[in-house]
Amino acid sequence: MYLKIEGINKSFTNDQNEKVKVLDNISMEIEKGSFVSIVGPSGCGKSTLLDVIAGLEKADSGFISVSGKKINKPGPDRVVVFQEDGLFPWLTVLDNVMYGLHLKKISKIDAEKKAKEILKMVHLSQYIHSYPHQLSGGMKQRVAIARALVMEPDILLMDEPFSALDEQTKMMLHNELLDIWKETKVTIFFVTHDIREAVKLSEKIVVLATRPGKIKEIITVPAMKDSMMPNSVTLKMERKILTILQTEIDKVWKEEMGDEYSFQTNYIHRSDSNHLGNDI
């Protein structure tokens, strides 16, 4: 097995100096070249788990290994794309993508050639001399993805990279990301609050329960990435995940709303919105 997550536990200390458990005995195995998404209620530890895999956070116990080698710190084999693009505003698109290659002491000629190839892959060849403030939100995220891919990581860790974008831009980037995944064969670990997004992109969806985060179920998505998945299949998958999550969402709402929660109607399962499952 390529990426192995074994018995990960993680706690943080809150403002009252109390230990709050965020991840509870998380274990899973991810095959090389697969696309796995993580969904769950707010605060269930999705991003914390990604940070542990990236080596940005240390687990209290358990371990993570890639190809049998345990990891406990950041490495070039795992690159993160965050919700915010994090581009350097004083650098052009090309220079932003080349930045990591310069740190690796790759020659300017080779770095520029490699960066231009990746920018062509994300359809930004016409904007290599533009600056971030001249780009749309979707274009900035494509630059961020290009900057990650140019490092040739084994694992691409994506933490809600499209959540701040409008629906049309998000749909376009979904298609581009799937094309990139098929072409590069990179392993993608994708955190999202959007169930529809997870269903469209993933081969497997890991559903986390709320605080402390633990695996509630792992769902295999029908293998239909080469063509448009029928709406009936998409809706069925979304409703299945929402049904699994319903008690977890109730826990979060009760905690946040207190006595007011009893006056709320359960509208989630009645929703016919195109945004079914957003913001959980």
C-alpha atoms as a PDB file:
ATOM      1  CA  MET A   1       0.000   0.000   0.000  1.00  0.00           C
ATOM      2  CA  TYR A   2       1.304   3.445  -0.977  1.00  0.00           C
ATOM      3  CA  LEU A   3       0.056   5.920   1.667  1.00  0.00           C
ATOM      4  CA  LYS A   4      -0.700   4.317   5.008  1.00  0.00           C
ATOM      5  CA  ILE A   5      -2.303   6.186   7.903  1.00  0.00           C
ATOM      6  CA  GLU A   6      -2.214   4.133  11.066  1.00  0.00           C
ATOM      7  CA  GLY A   7      -3.834   4.984  14.411  1.00  0.00           C
ATOM      8  CA  ILE A   8      -3.480   8.766  14.185  1.00  0.00           C
ATOM      9  CA  ASN A   9      -4.561  10.642  17.324  1.00  0.00           C
ATOM     10  CA  LYS A  10      -4.265  14.411  17.675  1.00  0.00           C
ATOM     11  CA  SER A  11      -5.290  16.891  20.380  1.00  0.00           C
ATOM     12  CA  PHE A  12      -4.975  20.650  20.811  1.00  0.00           C
ATOM     13  CA  THR A  13      -5.074  22.854  23.902  1.00  0.00           C
ATOM     14  CA  ASN A  14      -7.949  25.370  23.988  1.00  0.00           C
ATOM     15  CA  ASP A  15      -8.099  28.827  25.585  1.00  0.00           C
ATOM     16  CA  GLN A  16      -9.057  27.242  28.917  1.00  0.00           C
ATOM     17  CA  ASN A  17      -5.872  25.172  28.801  1.00  0.00           C
ATOM     18  CA  GLU A  18      -7.933  22.025  28.272  1.00  0.00           C
ATOM     19  CA  LYS A  19      -6.967  19.192  25.934  1.00  0.00           C
ATOM     20  CA  VAL A  20      -9.427  18.877  23.051  1.00  0.00           C
ATOM     21  CA  LYS A  21      -9.167  15.731  20.958  1.00  0.00           C
ATOM     22  CA  VAL A  22      -9.446  16.449  17.243  1.00  0.00           C
ATOM     23  CA  LEU A  23      -8.565  13.108  15.604  1.00  0.00           C
ATOM     24  CA  ASP A  24      -9.398   9.750  17.116  1.00  0.00           C
ATOM     25  CA  ASN A  25      -7.573   6.648  15.878  1.00  0.00           C
ATOM     26  CA  ILE A  26      -7.638   7.464  12.163  1.00  0.00           C
ATOM     27  CA  SER A  27      -6.462   4.579   9.990  1.00  0.00           C
ATOM     28  CA  MET A  28      -6.725   4.145   6.228  1.00  0.00           C
ATOM     29  CA  GLU A  29      -4.719   3.029   3.224  1.00  0.00           C
ATOM     30  CA  ILE A  30      -4.561   4.948  -0.042  1.00  0.00           C
ATOM     31  CA  GLU A  31      -3.331   3.435  -3.289  1.00  0.00           C
ATOM     32  CA  LYS A  32      -0.781   5.192  -5.489  1.00  0.00           C
ATOM     33  CA  GLY A  33      -2.389   7.392  -8.135  1.00  0.00           C
ATOM     34  CA  SER A  34      -5.807   7.439  -6.487  1.00  0.00           C
ATOM     35  CA  PHE A  35      -8.083  10.423  -5.808  1.00  0.00           C
ATOM     36  CA  VAL A  36      -9.466  10.416  -2.265  1.00  0.00           C
ATOM     37  CA  SER A  37     -11.683  13.106  -0.754  1.00  0.00           C
ATOM     38  CA  ILE A  38     -12.399  13.786   2.917  1.00  0.00           C
ATOM     39  CA  VAL A  39     -15.784  15.184   3.980  1.00  0.00           C
ATOM     40  CA  GLY A  40     -17.362  15.777   7.358  1.00  0.00           C
ATOM     41  CA  PRO A  41     -18.966  18.410   9.606  1.00  0.00           C
ATOM     42  CA  SER A  42     -17.149  21.620  10.465  1.00  0.00           C
ATOM     43  CA  GLY A  43     -14.484  21.025  13.090  1.00  0.00           C
ATOM     44  CA  CYS A  44     -14.183  17.277  12.526  1.00  0.00           C
ATOM     45  CA  GLY A  45     -10.444  17.480  11.808  1.00  0.00           C
ATOM     46  CA  LYS A  46     -10.345  17.260   7.998  1.00  0.00           C
ATOM     47  CA  SER A  47      -7.683  19.939   7.609  1.00  0.00           C
ATOM     48  CA  THR A  48      -5.787  18.741  10.677  1.00  0.00           C
ATOM     49  CA  LEU A  49      -5.466  15.280   9.137  1.00  0.00           C
ATOM     50  CA  LEU A  50      -4.152  16.846   5.914  1.00  0.00           C
ATOM     51  CA  ASP A  51      -1.634  18.885   7.931  1.00  0.00           C
ATOM     52  CA  VAL A  52      -0.404  15.732   9.682  1.00  0.00           C
ATOM     53  CA  ILE A  53       0.083  13.996   6.322  1.00  0.00           C
ATOM     54  CA  ALA A  54       1.925  17.070   5.038  1.00  0.00           C
ATOM     55  CA  GLY A  55       4.164  17.063   8.117  1.00  0.00           C
ATOM     56  CA  LEU A  56       2.931  20.505   9.189  1.00  0.00           C
ATOM     57  CA  GLU A  57       1.469  19.033  12.401  1.00  0.00           C
ATOM     58  CA  LYS A  58       2.756  16.162  14.512  1.00  0.00           C
ATOM     59  CA  ALA A  59       0.370  13.449  15.646  1.00  0.00           C
ATOM     60  CA  ASP A  60       0.184  12.587  19.346  1.00  0.00           C
ATOM     61  CA  SER A  61       0.359   8.914  18.403  1.00  0.00           C
ATOM     62  CA  GLY A  62       0.198   6.690  15.360  1.00  0.00           C
ATOM     63  CA  PHE A  63       2.202   7.065  12.162  1.00  0.00           C
ATOM     64  CA  ILE A  64       1.991   7.870   8.466  1.00  0.00           C
ATOM     65  CA  SER A  65       4.130   6.150   5.863  1.00  0.00           C
ATOM     66  CA  VAL A  66       4.666   6.582   2.128  1.00  0.00           C
ATOM     67  CA  SER A  67       5.912   3.491   0.296  1.00  0.00           C
ATOM     68  CA  GLY A  68       6.762   1.956   3.680  1.00  0.00           C
ATOM     69  CA  LYS A  69       8.812   4.926   4.899  1.00  0.00           C
ATOM     70  CA  LYS A  70       7.483   6.740   7.976  1.00  0.00           C
ATOM     71  CA  ILE A  71       7.154  10.501   7.656  1.00  0.00           C
ATOM     72  CA  ASN A  72       7.008  13.148  10.382  1.00  0.00           C
ATOM     73  CA  LYS A  73       8.029  16.367   8.651  1.00  0.00           C
ATOM     74  CA  PRO A  74       7.348  18.211   5.372  1.00  0.00           C
ATOM     75  CA  GLY A  75       8.974  16.835   2.239  1.00  0.00           C
ATOM     76  CA  PRO A  76       9.030  17.461  -1.519  1.00  0.00           C
ATOM     77  CA  ASP A  77       7.060  14.257  -2.062  1.00  0.00           C
ATOM     78  CA  ARG A  78       3.985  15.957  -0.477  1.00  0.00           C
ATOM     79  CA  VAL A  79       2.905  19.403  -1.673  1.00  0.00           C
ATOM     80  CA  VAL A  80      -0.088  21.361  -0.333  1.00  0.00           C
ATOM     81  CA  VAL A  81      -2.547  23.579  -2.221  1.00  0.00           C
ATOM     82  CA  PHE A  82      -4.503  25.706   0.268  1.00  0.00           C
ATOM     83  CA  GLN A  83      -7.795  27.586  -0.021  1.00  0.00           C
ATOM     84  CA  GLU A  84      -5.855  30.833  -0.373  1.00  0.00           C
ATOM     85  CA  ASP A  85      -3.585  30.804  -3.423  1.00  0.00           C
ATOM     86  CA  GLY A  86      -0.597  32.202  -1.476  1.00  0.00           C
ATOM     87  CA  LEU A  87       1.013  33.691  -4.577  1.00  0.00           C
ATOM     88  CA  PHE A  88       3.758  36.280  -4.246  1.00  0.00           C
ATOM     89  CA  PRO A  89       2.154  39.506  -5.559  1.00  0.00           C
ATOM     90  CA  TRP A  90       5.491  40.985  -6.667  1.00  0.00           C
ATOM     91  CA  LEU A  91       6.298  38.013  -8.921  1.00  0.00           C
ATOM     92  CA  THR A  92       4.861  37.191 -12.334  1.00  0.00           C
ATOM     93  CA  VAL A  93       2.911  34.001 -12.934  1.00  0.00           C
ATOM     94  CA  LEU A  94       6.012  32.371 -14.407  1.00  0.00           C
ATOM     95  CA  ASP A  95       8.245  33.438 -11.535  1.00  0.00           C
ATOM     96  CA  ASN A  96       5.703  32.226  -8.962  1.00  0.00           C
ATOM     97  CA  VAL A  97       5.683  28.774 -10.541  1.00  0.00           C
ATOM     98  CA  MET A  98       9.488  28.730 -10.831  1.00  0.00           C
ATOM     99  CA  TYR A  99      10.039  29.772  -7.201  1.00  0.00           C
ATOM    100  CA  GLY A 100      10.260  26.267  -5.729  1.00  0.00           C
ATOM    101  CA  LEU A 101      12.552  25.127  -8.528  1.00  0.00           C
ATOM    102  CA  HIS A 102      14.976  27.924  -7.697  1.00  0.00           C
ATOM    103  CA  LEU A 103      15.044  26.699  -4.090  1.00  0.00           C
ATOM    104  CA  LYS A 104      15.999  23.263  -5.431  1.00  0.00           C
ATOM    105  CA  LYS A 105      18.929  24.896  -7.260  1.00  0.00           C
ATOM    106  CA  ILE A 106      17.577  23.985 -10.688  1.00  0.00           C
ATOM    107  CA  SER A 107      19.067  26.143 -13.446  1.00  0.00           C
ATOM    108  CA  LYS A 108      16.992  29.060 -14.685  1.00  0.00           C
ATOM    109  CA  ILE A 109      16.765  27.609 -18.200  1.00  0.00           C
ATOM    110  CA  ASP A 110      15.518  24.228 -16.976  1.00  0.00           C
ATOM    111  CA  ALA A 111      13.195  25.793 -14.393  1.00  0.00           C
ATOM    112  CA  GLU A 112      11.619  28.088 -16.978  1.00  0.00           C
ATOM    113  CA  LYS A 113      11.102  25.245 -19.430  1.00  0.00           C
ATOM    114  CA  LYS A 114       9.479  23.081 -16.782  1.00  0.00           C
ATOM    115  CA  ALA A 115       7.281  25.908 -15.485  1.00  0.00           C
ATOM    116  CA  LYS A 116       6.052  26.767 -18.976  1.00  0.00           C
ATOM    117  CA  GLU A 117       5.115  23.124 -19.589  1.00  0.00           C
ATOM    118  CA  ILE A 118       3.036  23.032 -16.414  1.00  0.00           C
ATOM    119  CA  LEU A 119       1.413  26.405 -17.152  1.00  0.00           C
ATOM    120  CA  LYS A 120       0.436  25.085 -20.571  1.00  0.00           C
ATOM    121  CA  MET A 121      -1.185  22.122 -18.825  1.00  0.00           C
ATOM    122  CA  VAL A 122      -3.389  24.479 -16.762  1.00  0.00           C
ATOM    123  CA  HIS A 123      -4.080  26.713 -19.811  1.00  0.00           C
ATOM    124  CA  LEU A 124      -2.228  29.798 -18.596  1.00  0.00           C
ATOM    125  CA  SER A 125       0.473  30.101 -21.255  1.00  0.00           C
ATOM    126  CA  GLN A 126      -0.863  33.498 -22.314  1.00  0.00           C
ATOM    127  CA  TYR A 127      -0.499  34.900 -18.798  1.00  0.00           C
ATOM    128  CA  ILE A 128       3.061  33.958 -17.854  1.00  0.00           C
ATOM    129  CA  HIS A 129       4.123  37.600 -17.596  1.00  0.00           C
ATOM    130  CA  SER A 130       1.020  38.731 -15.695  1.00  0.00           C
ATOM    131  CA  TYR A 131       0.968  39.499 -11.972  1.00  0.00           C
ATOM    132  CA  PRO A 132      -1.493  37.939  -9.494  1.00  0.00           C
ATOM    133  CA  HIS A 133      -3.581  41.126  -9.164  1.00  0.00           C
ATOM    134  CA  GLN A 134      -4.284  40.911 -12.907  1.00  0.00           C
ATOM    135  CA  LEU A 135      -5.809  37.426 -12.631  1.00  0.00           C
ATOM    136  CA  SER A 136      -9.257  36.143 -11.678  1.00  0.00           C
ATOM    137  CA  GLY A 137      -9.721  33.955  -8.609  1.00  0.00           C
ATOM    138  CA  GLY A 138      -9.884  30.798 -10.701  1.00  0.00           C
ATOM    139  CA  MET A 139      -6.729  31.714 -12.595  1.00  0.00           C
ATOM    140  CA  LYS A 140      -4.872  32.332  -9.335  1.00  0.00           C
ATOM    141  CA  GLN A 141      -5.828  28.875  -8.113  1.00  0.00           C
ATOM    142  CA  ARG A 142      -4.591  27.359 -11.370  1.00  0.00           C
ATOM    143  CA  VAL A 143      -1.261  29.102 -10.805  1.00  0.00           C
ATOM    144  CA  ALA A 144      -1.183  27.666  -7.262  1.00  0.00           C
ATOM    145  CA  ILE A 145      -1.852  24.180  -8.638  1.00  0.00           C
ATOM    146  CA  ALA A 146       0.839  24.657 -11.295  1.00  0.00           C
ATOM    147  CA  ARG A 147       3.307  25.778  -8.624  1.00  0.00           C
ATOM    148  CA  ALA A 148       2.588  22.565  -6.711  1.00  0.00           C
ATOM    149  CA  LEU A 149       2.739  20.263  -9.742  1.00  0.00           C
ATOM    150  CA  VAL A 150       6.009  21.687 -11.055  1.00  0.00           C
ATOM    151  CA  MET A 151       7.696  20.172  -7.989  1.00  0.00           C
ATOM    152  CA  GLU A 152       6.595  16.716  -9.237  1.00  0.00           C
ATOM    153  CA  PRO A 153       5.163  15.589  -5.885  1.00  0.00           C
ATOM    154  CA  ASP A 154       4.065  12.018  -5.289  1.00  0.00           C
ATOM    155  CA  ILE A 155       1.090  13.269  -3.283  1.00  0.00           C
ATOM    156  CA  LEU A 156      -0.901  16.449  -3.900  1.00  0.00           C
ATOM    157  CA  LEU A 157      -2.677  17.586  -0.722  1.00  0.00           C
ATOM    158  CA  MET A 158      -5.554  19.985  -1.426  1.00  0.00           C
ATOM    159  CA  ASP A 159      -7.302  21.812   1.416  1.00  0.00           C
ATOM    160  CA  GLU A 160     -10.633  23.187   0.134  1.00  0.00           C
ATOM    161  CA  PRO A 161      -8.874  24.808  -2.848  1.00  0.00           C
ATOM    162  CA  PHE A 162     -12.073  25.836  -4.658  1.00  0.00           C
ATOM    163  CA  SER A 163     -14.355  26.812  -1.765  1.00  0.00           C
ATOM    164  CA  ALA A 164     -14.037  30.576  -2.319  1.00  0.00           C
ATOM    165  CA  LEU A 165     -14.802  30.416  -6.049  1.00  0.00           C
ATOM    166  CA  ASP A 166     -18.099  30.908  -7.856  1.00  0.00           C
ATOM    167  CA  GLU A 167     -19.927  27.842  -9.093  1.00  0.00           C
ATOM    168  CA  GLN A 168     -19.070  28.235 -12.794  1.00  0.00           C
ATOM    169  CA  THR A 169     -15.361  28.694 -12.102  1.00  0.00           C
ATOM    170  CA  LYS A 170     -15.420  25.766  -9.706  1.00  0.00           C
ATOM    171  CA  MET A 171     -16.982  23.482 -12.334  1.00  0.00           C
ATOM    172  CA  MET A 172     -14.323  24.471 -14.872  1.00  0.00           C
ATOM    173  CA  LEU A 173     -11.509  23.786 -12.396  1.00  0.00           C
ATOM    174  CA  HIS A 174     -13.026  20.427 -11.467  1.00  0.00           C
ATOM    175  CA  ASN A 175     -12.693  19.318 -15.087  1.00  0.00           C
ATOM    176  CA  GLU A 176      -9.149  20.679 -15.331  1.00  0.00           C
ATOM    177  CA  LEU A 177      -8.111  18.965 -12.105  1.00  0.00           C
ATOM    178  CA  LEU A 178      -9.443  15.627 -13.335  1.00  0.00           C
ATOM    179  CA  ASP A 179      -7.512  16.051 -16.603  1.00  0.00           C
ATOM    180  CA  ILE A 180      -4.325  16.885 -14.663  1.00  0.00           C
ATOM    181  CA  TRP A 181      -4.826  13.898 -12.362  1.00  0.00           C
ATOM    182  CA  LYS A 182      -5.232  11.522 -15.306  1.00  0.00           C
ATOM    183  CA  GLU A 183      -2.179  12.938 -17.081  1.00  0.00           C
ATOM    184  CA  THR A 184       0.209  13.127 -14.116  1.00  0.00           C
ATOM    185  CA  LYS A 185      -0.993  10.046 -12.151  1.00  0.00           C
ATOM    186  CA  VAL A 186      -0.361  12.022  -8.955  1.00  0.00           C
ATOM    187  CA  THR A 187      -2.053  10.785  -5.772  1.00  0.00           C
ATOM    188  CA  ILE A 188      -4.579  13.402  -4.603  1.00  0.00           C
ATOM    189  CA  PHE A 189      -5.840  13.801  -1.023  1.00  0.00           C
ATOM    190  CA  PHE A 190      -8.640  16.369  -1.231  1.00  0.00           C
ATOM    191  CA  VAL A 191     -10.362  18.068   1.722  1.00  0.00           C
ATOM    192  CA  THR A 192     -13.757  19.591   0.983  1.00  0.00           C
ATOM    193  CA  HIS A 193     -16.983  20.638   2.696  1.00  0.00           C
ATOM    194  CA  ASP A 194     -18.887  20.203  -0.597  1.00  0.00           C
ATOM    195  CA  ILE A 195     -20.360  16.721  -1.021  1.00  0.00           C
ATOM    196  CA  ARG A 196     -21.173  17.249  -4.699  1.00  0.00           C
ATOM    197  CA  GLU A 197     -17.567  18.240  -5.351  1.00  0.00           C
ATOM    198  CA  ALA A 198     -16.321  15.097  -3.604  1.00  0.00           C
ATOM    199  CA  VAL A 199     -18.642  12.865  -5.622  1.00  0.00           C
ATOM    200  CA  LYS A 200     -17.640  14.458  -8.930  1.00  0.00           C
ATOM    201  CA  LEU A 201     -13.888  14.257  -8.345  1.00  0.00           C
ATOM    202  CA  SER A 202     -13.137  11.239  -6.209  1.00  0.00           C
ATOM    203  CA  GLU A 203     -12.665   7.525  -6.482  1.00  0.00           C
ATOM    204  CA  LYS A 204     -13.200   7.164  -2.743  1.00  0.00           C
ATOM    205  CA  ILE A 205     -14.785   9.441  -0.147  1.00  0.00           C
ATOM    206  CA  VAL A 206     -13.805   9.207   3.515  1.00  0.00           C
ATOM    207  CA  VAL A 207     -16.622  10.434   5.775  1.00  0.00           C
ATOM    208  CA  LEU A 208     -15.469  11.714   9.168  1.00  0.00           C
ATOM    209  CA  ALA A 209     -17.635  11.933  12.287  1.00  0.00           C
ATOM    210  CA  THR A 210     -17.599  15.119  14.325  1.00  0.00           C
ATOM    211  CA  ARG A 211     -15.331  15.970  17.272  1.00  0.00           C
ATOM    212  CA  PRO A 212     -13.220  14.036  17.802  1.00  0.00           C
ATOM    213  CA  GLY A 213     -12.874  13.153  14.140  1.00  0.00           C
ATOM    214  CA  LYS A 214     -13.034   9.443  13.395  1.00  0.00           C
ATOM    215  CA  ILE A 215     -13.800   7.527  10.230  1.00  0.00           C
ATOM    216  CA  LYS A 216     -17.523   6.880   9.947  1.00  0.00           C
ATOM    217  CA  GLU A 217     -17.459   5.242   6.525  1.00  0.00           C
ATOM    218  CA  ILE A 218     -15.364   4.980   3.345  1.00  0.00           C
ATOM    219  CA  ILE A 219     -17.438   5.093   0.159  1.00  0.00           C
ATOM    220  CA  THR A 220     -16.348   3.996  -3.306  1.00  0.00           C
ATOM    221  CA  VAL A 221     -17.642   6.239  -6.100  1.00  0.00           C
ATOM    222  CA  PRO A 222     -18.719   4.580  -9.386  1.00  0.00           C
ATOM    223  CA  ALA A 223     -15.861   4.665 -11.908  1.00  0.00           C
ATOM    224  CA  MET A 224     -17.319   7.093 -14.443  1.00  0.00           C
ATOM    225  CA  LYS A 225     -14.662   9.805 -14.610  1.00  0.00           C
ATOM    226  CA  ASP A 226     -14.283   9.596 -18.404  1.00  0.00           C
ATOM    227  CA  SER A 227     -17.839  10.782 -18.974  1.00  0.00           C
ATOM    228  CA  MET A 228     -20.488  12.818 -17.239  1.00  0.00           C
ATOM    229  CA  MET A 229     -21.996  10.950 -14.301  1.00  0.00           C
ATOM    230  CA  PRO A 230     -25.814  10.797 -14.609  1.00  0.00           C
ATOM    231  CA  ASN A 231     -27.626  13.158 -12.256  1.00  0.00           C
ATOM    232  CA  SER A 232     -29.531  10.236 -10.759  1.00  0.00           C
ATOM    233  CA  VAL A 233     -26.266   8.548  -9.720  1.00  0.00           C
ATOM    234  CA  THR A 234     -24.790  11.804  -8.401  1.00  0.00           C
ATOM    235  CA  LEU A 235     -27.886  12.585  -6.352  1.00  0.00           C
ATOM    236  CA  LYS A 236     -28.026   9.056  -4.963  1.00  0.00           C
ATOM    237  CA  MET A 237     -24.402   9.276  -3.827  1.00  0.00           C
ATOM    238  CA  GLU A 238     -24.926  12.700  -2.272  1.00  0.00           C
ATOM    239  CA  ARG A 239     -28.005  11.607  -0.360  1.00  0.00           C
ATOM    240  CA  LYS A 240     -26.201   8.506   0.869  1.00  0.00           C
ATOM    241  CA  ILE A 241     -23.392  10.625   2.300  1.00  0.00           C
ATOM    242  CA  LEU A 242     -25.843  13.123   3.820  1.00  0.00           C
ATOM    243  CA  THR A 243     -27.728  10.282   5.480  1.00  0.00           C
ATOM    244  CA  ILE A 244     -24.482   9.020   7.009  1.00  0.00           C
ATOM    245  CA  LEU A 245     -23.635  12.528   8.190  1.00  0.00           C
ATOM    246  CA  GLN A 246     -27.066  13.556   9.467  1.00  0.00           C
ATOM    247  CA  THR A 247     -26.498  12.648  13.132  1.00  0.00           C
ATOM    248  CA  GLU A 248     -23.060  14.272  13.030  1.00  0.00           C
ATOM    249  CA  ILE A 249     -24.480  17.503  11.574  1.00  0.00           C
ATOM    250  CA  ASP A 250     -27.164  17.462  14.272  1.00  0.00           C
ATOM    251  CA  LYS A 251     -24.471  17.266  16.956  1.00  0.00           C
ATOM    252  CA  VAL A 252     -22.665  20.306  15.537  1.00  0.00           C
ATOM    253  CA  TRP A 253     -25.856  22.355  15.230  1.00  0.00           C
ATOM    254  CA  LYS A 254     -27.014  21.482  18.744  1.00  0.00           C
ATOM    255  CA  GLU A 255     -23.636  22.499  20.113  1.00  0.00           C
ATOM    256  CA  GLU A 256     -23.638  25.796  18.212  1.00  0.00           C
ATOM    257  CA  MET A 257     -27.314  26.735  18.612  1.00  0.00           C
ATOM    258  CA  GLY A 258     -28.198  25.341  22.025  1.00  0.00           C
ATOM    259  CA  ASP A 259     -31.912  25.524  22.865  1.00  0.00           C
ATOM    260  CA  GLU A 260     -32.681  27.278  19.589  1.00  0.00           C
ATOM    261  CA  TYR A 261     -31.909  24.077  17.698  1.00  0.00           C
ATOM    262  CA  SER A 262     -35.242  22.500  18.710  1.00  0.00           C
ATOM    263  CA  PHE A 263     -37.053  25.169  16.678  1.00  0.00           C
ATOM    264  CA  GLN A 264     -35.182  24.370  13.467  1.00  0.00           C
ATOM    265  CA  THR A 265     -36.652  22.145  10.789  1.00  0.00           C
ATOM    266  CA  ASN A 266     -34.607  19.438   9.173  1.00  0.00           C
ATOM    267  CA  TYR A 267     -34.345  20.829   5.653  1.00  0.00           C
ATOM    268  CA  ILE A 268     -31.208  19.042   4.486  1.00  0.00           C
ATOM    269  CA  HIS A 269     -32.888  15.924   3.102  1.00  0.00           C
ATOM    270  CA  ARG A 270     -35.608  17.947   1.365  1.00  0.00           C
ATOM    271  CA  SER A 271     -33.143  20.130  -0.524  1.00  0.00           C
ATOM    272  CA  ASP A 272     -33.146  19.979  -4.309  1.00  0.00           C
ATOM    273  CA  SER A 273     -30.468  22.659  -4.497  1.00  0.00           C
ATOM    274  CA  ASN A 274     -27.542  22.385  -6.855  1.00  0.00           C
ATOM    275  CA  HIS A 275     -25.427  22.983  -3.765  1.00  0.00           C
ATOM    276  CA  LEU A 276     -26.627  19.924  -1.869  1.00  0.00           C
ATOM    277  CA  GLY A 277     -24.270  19.251   0.979  1.00  0.00           C
ATOM    278  CA  ASN A 278     -22.381  22.543   0.877  1.00  0.00           C
ATOM    279  CA  ASP A 279     -20.958  24.090   4.033  1.00  0.00           C
ATOM    280  CA  ILE A 280     -20.910  21.045   6.244  1.00  0.00           C
END
